[in-house]
Amino acid sequence: MTRDDTDTDDDASVIARSRAQPSLFAVTFDRHSRHIHRYLVRRLGPTSADDVLADTS
């Protein structure tokens, strides 16, 4: 299964399959990282937000 196969799957399905294929968890990260980054910018500022997001990827 590739990352392209997960385009229509919900997050729960992708996370469940990522147990067998850990690289699939990146799909969930990619889907939500923009929103998480915006939240972090509001809470921490742009530089710290970049650092924190990079630590999670």
PDB file of N, CA and C in Angstrom:
ATOM      1  N   MET A   1       0.846  -1.171   0.000  1.00  0.00           N
ATOM      2  CA  MET A   1       0.000   0.000   0.000  1.00  0.00           C
ATOM      3  C   MET A   1       0.895   1.238   0.000  1.00  0.00           C
ATOM      4  N   THR A   2       0.546   2.190  -0.820  1.00  0.00           N
ATOM      5  CA  THR A   2       1.341   3.411  -0.903  1.00  0.00           C
ATOM      6  C   THR A   2       0.580   4.569  -0.292  1.00  0.00           C
ATOM      7  N   ARG A   3       1.281   5.670  -0.139  1.00  0.00           N
ATOM      8  CA  ARG A   3       0.635   6.870   0.402  1.00  0.00           C
ATOM      9  C   ARG A   3      -0.469   7.352  -0.518  1.00  0.00           C
ATOM     10  N   ASP A   4      -0.333   7.139  -1.822  1.00  0.00           N
ATOM     11  CA  ASP A   4      -1.373   7.560  -2.774  1.00  0.00           C
ATOM     12  C   ASP A   4      -2.673   6.793  -2.568  1.00  0.00           C
ATOM     13  N   ASP A   5      -2.576   5.585  -2.053  1.00  0.00           N
ATOM     14  CA  ASP A   5      -3.765   4.766  -1.812  1.00  0.00           C
ATOM     15  C   ASP A   5      -4.594   5.275  -0.629  1.00  0.00           C
ATOM     16  N   THR A   6      -4.060   6.205   0.126  1.00  0.00           N
ATOM     17  CA  THR A   6      -4.731   6.662   1.343  1.00  0.00           C
ATOM     18  C   THR A   6      -5.470   7.976   1.166  1.00  0.00           C
ATOM     19  N   ASP A   7      -5.498   8.513  -0.041  1.00  0.00           N
ATOM     20  CA  ASP A   7      -6.108   9.828  -0.263  1.00  0.00           C
ATOM     21  C   ASP A   7      -7.558   9.903   0.195  1.00  0.00           C
ATOM     22  N   THR A   8      -8.311   8.847   0.047  1.00  0.00           N
ATOM     23  CA  THR A   8      -9.730   8.889   0.408  1.00  0.00           C
ATOM     24  C   THR A   8     -10.015   8.243   1.762  1.00  0.00           C
ATOM     25  N   ASP A   9      -9.008   7.689   2.400  1.00  0.00           N
ATOM     26  CA  ASP A   9      -9.202   7.044   3.703  1.00  0.00           C
ATOM     27  C   ASP A   9      -9.258   8.080   4.820  1.00  0.00           C
ATOM     28  N   ASP A  10     -10.048   7.799   5.845  1.00  0.00           N
ATOM     29  CA  ASP A  10     -10.083   8.697   6.989  1.00  0.00           C
ATOM     30  C   ASP A  10      -8.846   8.471   7.863  1.00  0.00           C
ATOM     31  N   ASP A  11      -8.619   9.383   8.785  1.00  0.00           N
ATOM     32  CA  ASP A  11      -7.429   9.330   9.623  1.00  0.00           C
ATOM     33  C   ASP A  11      -7.339   8.035  10.426  1.00  0.00           C
ATOM     34  N   ALA A  12      -8.452   7.580  10.955  1.00  0.00           N
ATOM     35  CA  ALA A  12      -8.436   6.360  11.773  1.00  0.00           C
ATOM     36  C   ALA A  12      -7.959   5.167  10.958  1.00  0.00           C
ATOM     37  N   SER A  13      -8.386   5.070   9.715  1.00  0.00           N
ATOM     38  CA  SER A  13      -7.955   3.961   8.856  1.00  0.00           C
ATOM     39  C   SER A  13      -6.468   4.040   8.564  1.00  0.00           C
ATOM     40  N   VAL A  14      -5.998   5.239   8.275  1.00  0.00           N
ATOM     41  CA  VAL A  14      -4.581   5.420   7.975  1.00  0.00           C
ATOM     42  C   VAL A  14      -3.731   5.087   9.195  1.00  0.00           C
ATOM     43  N   ILE A  15      -4.149   5.559  10.364  1.00  0.00           N
ATOM     44  CA  ILE A  15      -3.399   5.286  11.595  1.00  0.00           C
ATOM     45  C   ILE A  15      -3.383   3.788  11.884  1.00  0.00           C
ATOM     46  N   ALA A  16      -4.495   3.122  11.709  1.00  0.00           N
ATOM     47  CA  ALA A  16      -4.551   1.679  11.948  1.00  0.00           C
ATOM     48  C   ALA A  16      -3.582   0.939  11.027  1.00  0.00           C
ATOM     49  N   ARG A  17      -3.551   1.336   9.756  1.00  0.00           N
ATOM     50  CA  ARG A  17      -2.643   0.675   8.817  1.00  0.00           C
ATOM     51  C   ARG A  17      -1.198   1.064   9.047  1.00  0.00           C
ATOM     52  N   SER A  18      -0.976   2.222   9.676  1.00  0.00           N
ATOM     53  CA  SER A  18       0.408   2.650   9.918  1.00  0.00           C
ATOM     54  C   SER A  18       1.094   1.783  10.975  1.00  0.00           C
ATOM     55  N   ARG A  19       0.324   1.007  11.701  1.00  0.00           N
ATOM     56  CA  ARG A  19       0.939   0.071  12.660  1.00  0.00           C
ATOM     57  C   ARG A  19       1.779  -0.963  11.928  1.00  0.00           C
ATOM     58  N   ALA A  20       1.309  -1.387  10.766  1.00  0.00           N
ATOM     59  CA  ALA A  20       2.064  -2.352   9.962  1.00  0.00           C
ATOM     60  C   ALA A  20       3.047  -1.656   9.025  1.00  0.00           C
ATOM     61  N   GLN A  21       2.714  -0.438   8.618  1.00  0.00           N
ATOM     62  CA  GLN A  21       3.563   0.355   7.724  1.00  0.00           C
ATOM     63  C   GLN A  21       3.757   1.735   8.343  1.00  0.00           C
ATOM     64  N   PRO A  22       4.724   1.899   9.221  1.00  0.00           N
ATOM     65  CA  PRO A  22       4.900   3.164   9.939  1.00  0.00           C
ATOM     66  C   PRO A  22       5.019   4.402   9.040  1.00  0.00           C
ATOM     67  N   SER A  23       5.521   4.237   7.833  1.00  0.00           N
ATOM     68  CA  SER A  23       5.662   5.400   6.945  1.00  0.00           C
ATOM     69  C   SER A  23       4.311   6.005   6.574  1.00  0.00           C
ATOM     70  N   LEU A  24       3.231   5.238   6.695  1.00  0.00           N
ATOM     71  CA  LEU A  24       1.905   5.772   6.374  1.00  0.00           C
ATOM     72  C   LEU A  24       1.445   6.841   7.370  1.00  0.00           C
ATOM     73  N   PHE A  25       2.032   6.869   8.552  1.00  0.00           N
ATOM     74  CA  PHE A  25       1.627   7.896   9.515  1.00  0.00           C
ATOM     75  C   PHE A  25       1.910   9.287   8.963  1.00  0.00           C
ATOM     76  N   ALA A  26       2.854   9.403   8.057  1.00  0.00           N
ATOM     77  CA  ALA A  26       3.161  10.693   7.431  1.00  0.00           C
ATOM     78  C   ALA A  26       1.945  11.270   6.711  1.00  0.00           C
ATOM     79  N   VAL A  27       1.050  10.422   6.254  1.00  0.00           N
ATOM     80  CA  VAL A  27      -0.172  10.900   5.592  1.00  0.00           C
ATOM     81  C   VAL A  27      -0.978  11.752   6.563  1.00  0.00           C
ATOM     82  N   THR A  28      -1.153  11.255   7.774  1.00  0.00           N
ATOM     83  CA  THR A  28      -1.897  12.003   8.788  1.00  0.00           C
ATOM     84  C   THR A  28      -1.178  13.295   9.139  1.00  0.00           C
ATOM     85  N   PHE A  29       0.123  13.218   9.304  1.00  0.00           N
ATOM     86  CA  PHE A  29       0.903  14.415   9.593  1.00  0.00           C
ATOM     87  C   PHE A  29       0.734  15.450   8.482  1.00  0.00           C
ATOM     88  N   ASP A  30       0.856  15.018   7.239  1.00  0.00           N
ATOM     89  CA  ASP A  30       0.729  15.940   6.105  1.00  0.00           C
ATOM     90  C   ASP A  30      -0.654  16.575   6.041  1.00  0.00           C
ATOM     91  N   ARG A  31      -1.674  15.817   6.364  1.00  0.00           N
ATOM     92  CA  ARG A  31      -3.042  16.344   6.325  1.00  0.00           C
ATOM     93  C   ARG A  31      -3.263  17.469   7.329  1.00  0.00           C
ATOM     94  N   HIS A  32      -2.612  17.378   8.482  1.00  0.00           N
ATOM     95  CA  HIS A  32      -2.942  18.294   9.571  1.00  0.00           C
ATOM     96  C   HIS A  32      -1.828  19.270   9.953  1.00  0.00           C
ATOM     97  N   SER A  33      -0.660  19.126   9.387  1.00  0.00           N
ATOM     98  CA  SER A  33       0.476  19.946   9.813  1.00  0.00           C
ATOM     99  C   SER A  33       0.259  21.436   9.580  1.00  0.00           C
ATOM    100  N   ARG A  34      -0.417  21.805   8.517  1.00  0.00           N
ATOM    101  CA  ARG A  34      -0.673  23.228   8.253  1.00  0.00           C
ATOM    102  C   ARG A  34      -1.521  23.845   9.364  1.00  0.00           C
ATOM    103  N   HIS A  35      -2.550  23.136   9.779  1.00  0.00           N
ATOM    104  CA  HIS A  35      -3.429  23.636  10.843  1.00  0.00           C
ATOM    105  C   HIS A  35      -2.699  23.683  12.184  1.00  0.00           C
ATOM    106  N   ILE A  36      -1.919  22.656  12.442  1.00  0.00           N
ATOM    107  CA  ILE A  36      -1.160  22.614  13.684  1.00  0.00           C
ATOM    108  C   ILE A  36      -0.141  23.750  13.708  1.00  0.00           C
ATOM    109  N   HIS A  37       0.489  23.991  12.573  1.00  0.00           N
ATOM    110  CA  HIS A  37       1.478  25.075  12.505  1.00  0.00           C
ATOM    111  C   HIS A  37       0.823  26.429  12.792  1.00  0.00           C
ATOM    112  N   ARG A  38      -0.344  26.670  12.218  1.00  0.00           N
ATOM    113  CA  ARG A  38      -1.041  27.940  12.488  1.00  0.00           C
ATOM    114  C   ARG A  38      -1.333  28.096  13.980  1.00  0.00           C
ATOM    115  N   TYR A  39      -1.770  27.028  14.616  1.00  0.00           N
ATOM    116  CA  TYR A  39      -2.036  27.066  16.051  1.00  0.00           C
ATOM    117  C   TYR A  39      -0.750  27.381  16.816  1.00  0.00           C
ATOM    118  N   LEU A  40       0.322  26.704  16.470  1.00  0.00           N
ATOM    119  CA  LEU A  40       1.592  26.930  17.150  1.00  0.00           C
ATOM    120  C   LEU A  40       2.093  28.351  16.969  1.00  0.00           C
ATOM    121  N   VAL A  41       1.914  28.913  15.789  1.00  0.00           N
ATOM    122  CA  VAL A  41       2.329  30.300  15.549  1.00  0.00           C
ATOM    123  C   VAL A  41       1.583  31.234  16.496  1.00  0.00           C
ATOM    124  N   ARG A  42       0.286  31.016  16.652  1.00  0.00           N
ATOM    125  CA  ARG A  42      -0.499  31.871  17.548  1.00  0.00           C
ATOM    126  C   ARG A  42      -0.045  31.728  18.999  1.00  0.00           C
ATOM    127  N   ARG A  43       0.336  30.521  19.382  1.00  0.00           N
ATOM    128  CA  ARG A  43       0.714  30.283  20.778  1.00  0.00           C
ATOM    129  C   ARG A  43       2.172  30.599  21.083  1.00  0.00           C
ATOM    130  N   LEU A  44       3.075  30.318  20.127  1.00  0.00           N
ATOM    131  CA  LEU A  44       4.508  30.384  20.409  1.00  0.00           C
ATOM    132  C   LEU A  44       5.278  31.399  19.577  1.00  0.00           C
ATOM    133  N   GLY A  45       4.696  31.855  18.483  1.00  0.00           N
ATOM    134  CA  GLY A  45       5.420  32.703  17.547  1.00  0.00           C
ATOM    135  C   GLY A  45       5.974  31.865  16.401  1.00  0.00           C
ATOM    136  N   PRO A  46       6.313  32.529  15.289  1.00  0.00           N
ATOM    137  CA  PRO A  46       6.691  31.782  14.086  1.00  0.00           C
ATOM    138  C   PRO A  46       7.955  30.929  14.217  1.00  0.00           C
ATOM    139  N   THR A  47       8.979  31.436  14.853  1.00  0.00           N
ATOM    140  CA  THR A  47      10.231  30.688  14.936  1.00  0.00           C
ATOM    141  C   THR A  47      10.069  29.431  15.787  1.00  0.00           C
ATOM    142  N   SER A  48       9.474  29.586  16.945  1.00  0.00           N
ATOM    143  CA  SER A  48       9.263  28.423  17.819  1.00  0.00           C
ATOM    144  C   SER A  48       8.289  27.425  17.176  1.00  0.00           C
ATOM    145  N   ALA A  49       7.293  27.947  16.479  1.00  0.00           N
ATOM    146  CA  ALA A  49       6.316  27.066  15.820  1.00  0.00           C
ATOM    147  C   ALA A  49       7.026  26.197  14.782  1.00  0.00           C
ATOM    148  N   ASP A  50       7.925  26.787  14.013  1.00  0.00           N
ATOM    149  CA  ASP A  50       8.678  26.008  13.024  1.00  0.00           C
ATOM    150  C   ASP A  50       9.499  24.920  13.708  1.00  0.00           C
ATOM    151  N   ASP A  51      10.130  25.276  14.815  1.00  0.00           N
ATOM    152  CA  ASP A  51      10.961  24.312  15.540  1.00  0.00           C
ATOM    153  C   ASP A  51      10.127  23.143  16.092  1.00  0.00           C
ATOM    154  N   VAL A  52       9.012  23.473  16.704  1.00  0.00           N
ATOM    155  CA  VAL A  52       8.167  22.434  17.298  1.00  0.00           C
ATOM    156  C   VAL A  52       7.601  21.523  16.219  1.00  0.00           C
ATOM    157  N   LEU A  53       7.136  22.090  15.123  1.00  0.00           N
ATOM    158  CA  LEU A  53       6.591  21.264  14.044  1.00  0.00           C
ATOM    159  C   LEU A  53       7.675  20.371  13.443  1.00  0.00           C
ATOM    160  N   ALA A  54       8.864  20.908  13.289  1.00  0.00           N
ATOM    161  CA  ALA A  54       9.963  20.104  12.747  1.00  0.00           C
ATOM    162  C   ALA A  54      10.310  18.953  13.694  1.00  0.00           C
ATOM    163  N   ASP A  55      10.188  19.166  14.982  1.00  0.00           N
ATOM    164  CA  ASP A  55      10.478  18.100  15.950  1.00  0.00           C
ATOM    165  C   ASP A  55       9.482  16.958  15.866  1.00  0.00           C
ATOM    166  N   THR A  56       8.287  17.230  15.380  1.00  0.00           N
ATOM    167  CA  THR A  56       7.261  16.192  15.306  1.00  0.00           C
ATOM    168  C   THR A  56       7.262  15.439  13.993  1.00  0.00           C
ATOM    169  N   SER A  57       7.974  15.936  13.011  1.00  0.00           N
ATOM    170  CA  SER A  57       7.952  15.249  11.713  1.00  0.00           C
ATOM    171  C   SER A  57       9.015  14.192  11.607  1.00  0.00           C
TER     172      SER A  57
END
